[in-house]
PDB file of N, CA and C in Angstrom:
ATOM      1  N   MET A   1     149.108  81.270 103.472  1.00  0.00           N
ATOM      2  CA  MET A   1     149.891  81.217 102.248  1.00  0.00           C
ATOM      3  C   MET A   1     149.532  82.420 101.386  1.00  0.00           C
ATOM      4  N   ASP A   2     150.540  83.059 100.827  1.00  0.00           N
ATOM      5  CA  ASP A   2     150.344  84.249 100.002  1.00  0.00           C
ATOM      6  C   ASP A   2     149.927  83.845  98.597  1.00  0.00           C
ATOM      7  N   ALA A   3     148.809  84.368  98.116  1.00  0.00           N
ATOM      8  CA  ALA A   3     148.270  83.980  96.812  1.00  0.00           C
ATOM      9  C   ALA A   3     148.706  84.914  95.685  1.00  0.00           C
ATOM     10  N   THR A   4     149.473  85.965  95.998  1.00  0.00           N
ATOM     11  CA  THR A   4     149.895  86.886  94.932  1.00  0.00           C
ATOM     12  C   THR A   4     150.964  86.227  94.068  1.00  0.00           C
ATOM     13  N   PRO A   5     150.845  86.396  92.755  1.00  0.00           N
ATOM     14  CA  PRO A   5     151.843  85.775  91.864  1.00  0.00           C
ATOM     15  C   PRO A   5     153.222  86.401  92.061  1.00  0.00           C
ATOM     16  N   GLN A   6     154.229  85.568  91.989  1.00  0.00           N
ATOM     17  CA  GLN A   6     155.581  86.071  92.147  1.00  0.00           C
ATOM     18  C   GLN A   6     156.085  86.627  90.823  1.00  0.00           C
ATOM     19  N   ARG A   7     156.858  87.671  90.931  1.00  0.00           N
ATOM     20  CA  ARG A   7     157.429  88.302  89.749  1.00  0.00           C
ATOM     21  C   ARG A   7     158.575  87.444  89.228  1.00  0.00           C
ATOM     22  N   SER A   8     158.593  87.222  87.929  1.00  0.00           N
ATOM     23  CA  SER A   8     159.663  86.401  87.358  1.00  0.00           C
ATOM     24  C   SER A   8     160.948  87.213  87.284  1.00  0.00           C
ATOM     25  N   ARG A   9     162.055  86.516  87.409  1.00  0.00           N
ATOM     26  CA  ARG A   9     163.364  87.165  87.330  1.00  0.00           C
ATOM     27  C   ARG A   9     163.966  86.924  85.967  1.00  0.00           C
ATOM     28  N   ALA A  10     164.701  87.908  85.484  1.00  0.00           N
ATOM     29  CA  ALA A  10     165.381  87.773  84.196  1.00  0.00           C
ATOM     30  C   ALA A  10     166.465  86.702  84.306  1.00  0.00           C
ATOM     31  N   VAL A  11     166.581  85.909  83.277  1.00  0.00           N
ATOM     32  CA  VAL A  11     167.597  84.861  83.245  1.00  0.00           C
ATOM     33  C   VAL A  11     168.928  85.431  82.774  1.00  0.00           C
ATOM     34  N   PHE A  12     168.870  86.347  81.800  1.00  0.00           N
ATOM     35  CA  PHE A  12     170.077  86.936  81.236  1.00  0.00           C
ATOM     36  C   PHE A  12     170.114  88.430  81.514  1.00  0.00           C
ATOM     37  N   SER A  13     171.313  88.957  81.710  1.00  0.00           N
ATOM     38  CA  SER A  13     171.479  90.399  81.890  1.00  0.00           C
ATOM     39  C   SER A  13     171.678  91.054  80.528  1.00  0.00           C
ATOM     40  N   THR A  14     171.623  92.369  80.497  1.00  0.00           N
ATOM     41  CA  THR A  14     171.869  93.114  79.261  1.00  0.00           C
ATOM     42  C   THR A  14     173.271  92.799  78.741  1.00  0.00           C
ATOM     43  N   GLU A  15     174.225  92.683  79.641  1.00  0.00           N
ATOM     44  CA  GLU A  15     175.599  92.353  79.239  1.00  0.00           C
ATOM     45  C   GLU A  15     175.653  90.964  78.602  1.00  0.00           C
ATOM     46  N   ASP A  16     174.876  90.030  79.130  1.00  0.00           N
ATOM     47  CA  ASP A  16     174.836  88.678  78.561  1.00  0.00           C
ATOM     48  C   ASP A  16     174.397  88.708  77.101  1.00  0.00           C
ATOM     49  N   PHE A  17     173.392  89.528  76.790  1.00  0.00           N
ATOM     50  CA  PHE A  17     172.921  89.613  75.406  1.00  0.00           C
ATOM     51  C   PHE A  17     174.023  90.132  74.495  1.00  0.00           C
ATOM     52  N   GLY A  18     174.790  91.099  74.972  1.00  0.00           N
ATOM     53  CA  GLY A  18     175.910  91.613  74.181  1.00  0.00           C
ATOM     54  C   GLY A  18     176.958  90.549  73.927  1.00  0.00           C
ATOM     55  N   LEU A  19     177.254  89.757  74.948  1.00  0.00           N
ATOM     56  CA  LEU A  19     178.244  88.684  74.800  1.00  0.00           C
ATOM     57  C   LEU A  19     177.755  87.605  73.835  1.00  0.00           C
ATOM     58  N   MET A  20     176.476  87.249  73.958  1.00  0.00           N
ATOM     59  CA  MET A  20     175.925  86.240  73.047  1.00  0.00           C
ATOM     60  C   MET A  20     175.913  86.752  71.615  1.00  0.00           C
ATOM     61  N   LYS A  21     175.581  88.025  71.441  1.00  0.00           N
ATOM     62  CA  LYS A  21     175.560  88.603  70.103  1.00  0.00           C
ATOM     63  C   LYS A  21     176.960  88.586  69.498  1.00  0.00           C
ATOM     64  N   GLU A  22     177.961  88.921  70.295  1.00  0.00           N
ATOM     65  CA  GLU A  22     179.348  88.899  69.819  1.00  0.00           C
ATOM     66  C   GLU A  22     179.769  87.484  69.412  1.00  0.00           C
ATOM     67  N   ALA A  23     179.455  86.511  70.242  1.00  0.00           N
ATOM     68  CA  ALA A  23     179.827  85.119  69.954  1.00  0.00           C
ATOM     69  C   ALA A  23     179.115  84.609  68.701  1.00  0.00           C
ATOM     70  N   ILE A  24     177.842  84.922  68.578  1.00  0.00           N
ATOM     71  CA  ILE A  24     177.085  84.465  67.411  1.00  0.00           C
ATOM     72  C   ILE A  24     177.585  85.151  66.155  1.00  0.00           C
ATOM     73  N   GLY A  25     177.961  86.434  66.269  1.00  0.00           N
ATOM     74  CA  GLY A  25     178.516  87.156  65.121  1.00  0.00           C
ATOM     75  C   GLY A  25     179.777  86.485  64.595  1.00  0.00           C
ATOM     76  N   GLU A  26     180.629  86.045  65.497  1.00  0.00           N
ATOM     77  CA  GLU A  26     181.851  85.335  65.084  1.00  0.00           C
ATOM     78  C   GLU A  26     181.513  83.975  64.478  1.00  0.00           C
ATOM     79  N   TYR A  27     180.541  83.298  65.048  1.00  0.00           N
ATOM     80  CA  TYR A  27     180.140  81.984  64.542  1.00  0.00           C
ATOM     81  C   TYR A  27     179.558  82.095  63.129  1.00  0.00           C
ATOM     82  N   ILE A  28     178.796  83.150  62.901  1.00  0.00           N
ATOM     83  CA  ILE A  28     178.211  83.363  61.570  1.00  0.00           C
ATOM     84  C   ILE A  28     179.306  83.451  60.518  1.00  0.00           C
ATOM     85  N   LYS A  29     180.408  84.107  60.855  1.00  0.00           N
ATOM     86  CA  LYS A  29     181.532  84.220  59.912  1.00  0.00           C
ATOM     87  C   LYS A  29     182.105  82.846  59.585  1.00  0.00           C
ATOM     88  N   LYS A  30     182.168  81.973  60.571  1.00  0.00           N
ATOM     89  CA  LYS A  30     182.752  80.637  60.378  1.00  0.00           C
ATOM     90  C   LYS A  30     181.858  79.719  59.557  1.00  0.00           C
ATOM     91  N   ILE A  31     180.538  79.930  59.627  1.00  0.00           N
ATOM     92  CA  ILE A  31     179.621  79.028  58.923  1.00  0.00           C
ATOM     93  C   ILE A  31     178.916  79.735  57.769  1.00  0.00           C
ATOM     94  N   ALA A  32     179.554  80.730  57.205  1.00  0.00           N
ATOM     95  CA  ALA A  32     178.925  81.571  56.173  1.00  0.00           C
ATOM     96  C   ALA A  32     178.330  80.757  55.029  1.00  0.00           C
ATOM     97  N   ASP A  33     178.943  79.647  54.671  1.00  0.00           N
ATOM     98  CA  ASP A  33     178.449  78.839  53.550  1.00  0.00           C
ATOM     99  C   ASP A  33     177.404  77.807  53.958  1.00  0.00           C
ATOM    100  N   ASP A  34     177.128  77.708  55.245  1.00  0.00           N
ATOM    101  CA  ASP A  34     176.158  76.746  55.768  1.00  0.00           C
ATOM    102  C   ASP A  34     174.750  77.349  55.666  1.00  0.00           C
ATOM    103  N   PRO A  35     173.774  76.588  55.207  1.00  0.00           N
ATOM    104  CA  PRO A  35     172.405  77.116  55.137  1.00  0.00           C
ATOM    105  C   PRO A  35     171.867  77.605  56.487  1.00  0.00           C
ATOM    106  N   ARG A  36     172.388  77.049  57.574  1.00  0.00           N
ATOM    107  CA  ARG A  36     171.928  77.466  58.906  1.00  0.00           C
ATOM    108  C   ARG A  36     172.375  78.883  59.257  1.00  0.00           C
ATOM    109  N   SER A  37     173.321  79.432  58.503  1.00  0.00           N
ATOM    110  CA  SER A  37     173.831  80.765  58.840  1.00  0.00           C
ATOM    111  C   SER A  37     172.709  81.805  58.827  1.00  0.00           C
ATOM    112  N   ALA A  38     171.701  81.623  57.995  1.00  0.00           N
ATOM    113  CA  ALA A  38     170.572  82.564  57.960  1.00  0.00           C
ATOM    114  C   ALA A  38     169.813  82.555  59.284  1.00  0.00           C
ATOM    115  N   LYS A  39     169.653  81.375  59.869  1.00  0.00           N
ATOM    116  CA  LYS A  39     168.954  81.285  61.155  1.00  0.00           C
ATOM    117  C   LYS A  39     169.763  81.962  62.254  1.00  0.00           C
ATOM    118  N   PHE A  40     171.085  81.766  62.228  1.00  0.00           N
ATOM    119  CA  PHE A  40     171.939  82.411  63.220  1.00  0.00           C
ATOM    120  C   PHE A  40     171.969  83.921  63.013  1.00  0.00           C
ATOM    121  N   SER A  41     171.908  84.346  61.771  1.00  0.00           N
ATOM    122  CA  SER A  41     171.871  85.776  61.467  1.00  0.00           C
ATOM    123  C   SER A  41     170.598  86.405  62.030  1.00  0.00           C
ATOM    124  N   ASN A  42     169.481  85.721  61.879  1.00  0.00           N
ATOM    125  CA  ASN A  42     168.215  86.210  62.446  1.00  0.00           C
ATOM    126  C   ASN A  42     168.301  86.300  63.967  1.00  0.00           C
ATOM    127  N   LEU A  43     168.897  85.294  64.585  1.00  0.00           N
ATOM    128  CA  LEU A  43     169.077  85.301  66.040  1.00  0.00           C
ATOM    129  C   LEU A  43     169.957  86.472  66.459  1.00  0.00           C
ATOM    130  N   TYR A  44     171.021  86.709  65.716  1.00  0.00           N
ATOM    131  CA  TYR A  44     171.940  87.818  65.983  1.00  0.00           C
ATOM    132  C   TYR A  44     171.174  89.148  66.009  1.00  0.00           C
ATOM    133  N   HIS A  45     170.309  89.353  65.033  1.00  0.00           N
ATOM    134  CA  HIS A  45     169.552  90.605  64.963  1.00  0.00           C
ATOM    135  C   HIS A  45     168.501  90.700  66.070  1.00  0.00           C
ATOM    136  N   ARG A  46     167.884  89.575  66.419  1.00  0.00           N
ATOM    137  CA  ARG A  46     166.927  89.600  67.536  1.00  0.00           C
ATOM    138  C   ARG A  46     167.629  89.948  68.840  1.00  0.00           C
ATOM    139  N   LEU A  47     168.822  89.413  69.052  1.00  0.00           N
ATOM    140  CA  LEU A  47     169.577  89.736  70.266  1.00  0.00           C
ATOM    141  C   LEU A  47     169.943  91.212  70.302  1.00  0.00           C
ATOM    142  N   GLY A  48     170.197  91.775  69.131  1.00  0.00           N
ATOM    143  CA  GLY A  48     170.527  93.200  69.062  1.00  0.00           C
ATOM    144  C   GLY A  48     169.376  94.075  69.522  1.00  0.00           C
ATOM    145  N   ARG A  49     168.161  93.635  69.285  1.00  0.00           N
ATOM    146  CA  ARG A  49     166.988  94.403  69.731  1.00  0.00           C
ATOM    147  C   ARG A  49     166.798  94.300  71.241  1.00  0.00           C
ATOM    148  N   LEU A  50     167.294  93.231  71.843  1.00  0.00           N
ATOM    149  CA  LEU A  50     167.092  93.018  73.272  1.00  0.00           C
ATOM    150  C   LEU A  50     168.132  93.707  74.146  1.00  0.00           C
ATOM    151  N   GLY A  51     169.355  93.747  73.670  1.00  0.00           N
ATOM    152  CA  GLY A  51     170.409  94.237  74.548  1.00  0.00           C
ATOM    153  C   GLY A  51     171.290  95.271  73.981  1.00  0.00           C
TER     154      GLY A  51
END
Protein backbone atom coordinates (compact mmCIF):
# COMPACT_ATOMS: atom_id res chain seq x y z
CA MET A 1 0.00 0.00 0.00
CA ASP A 2 1.32 3.44 -0.95
CA ALA A 3 1.75 5.69 2.10
CA THR A 4 2.29 8.97 0.20
CA PRO A 5 -0.52 11.47 0.73
CA GLN A 6 -2.73 12.06 -2.25
CA ARG A 7 -2.94 15.52 -3.72
CA SER A 8 -6.33 17.12 -3.28
CA ARG A 9 -8.26 18.19 -6.35
CA ALA A 10 -9.91 21.56 -6.76
CA VAL A 11 -13.67 21.45 -6.39
CA PHE A 12 -14.32 24.62 -8.41
CA SER A 13 -12.64 25.92 -11.55
CA THR A 14 -11.59 29.52 -12.12
CA GLU A 15 -14.62 29.89 -14.41
CA ASP A 16 -16.88 28.63 -11.60
CA PHE A 17 -15.69 31.44 -9.32
CA GLY A 18 -16.54 33.98 -12.01
CA LEU A 19 -20.03 32.52 -12.42
CA MET A 20 -20.63 32.48 -8.67
CA LYS A 21 -19.41 36.06 -8.36
CA GLU A 22 -21.78 37.14 -11.14
CA ALA A 23 -24.75 35.37 -9.54
CA ILE A 24 -23.99 36.76 -6.09
CA GLY A 25 -23.58 40.25 -7.54
CA GLU A 26 -27.09 40.06 -8.97
CA TYR A 27 -28.46 38.66 -5.72
CA ILE A 28 -26.90 41.51 -3.75
CA LYS A 29 -28.89 43.97 -5.87
CA LYS A 30 -32.14 42.13 -5.06
CA ILE A 31 -31.54 42.06 -1.30
CA ALA A 32 -29.92 45.49 -0.93
CA ASP A 33 -32.17 46.41 2.02
CA ASP A 34 -31.60 43.09 3.81
CA PRO A 35 -29.00 43.11 6.61
CA ARG A 36 -27.54 39.92 5.11
CA SER A 37 -26.48 41.86 2.01
CA ALA A 38 -23.25 42.85 3.80
CA LYS A 39 -22.33 39.19 4.24
CA PHE A 40 -23.02 38.48 0.58
CA SER A 41 -21.01 41.54 -0.39
CA ASN A 42 -18.04 40.21 1.59
CA LEU A 43 -18.41 36.84 -0.13
CA TYR A 44 -18.54 38.59 -3.51
CA HIS A 45 -15.22 40.32 -2.82
CA ARG A 46 -13.58 37.13 -1.52
CA LEU A 47 -14.59 35.32 -4.71
CA GLY A 48 -13.05 38.15 -6.71
CA ARG A 49 -9.69 37.47 -5.08
CA LEU A 50 -9.91 33.78 -5.97
CA GLY A 51 -10.94 33.86 -9.58
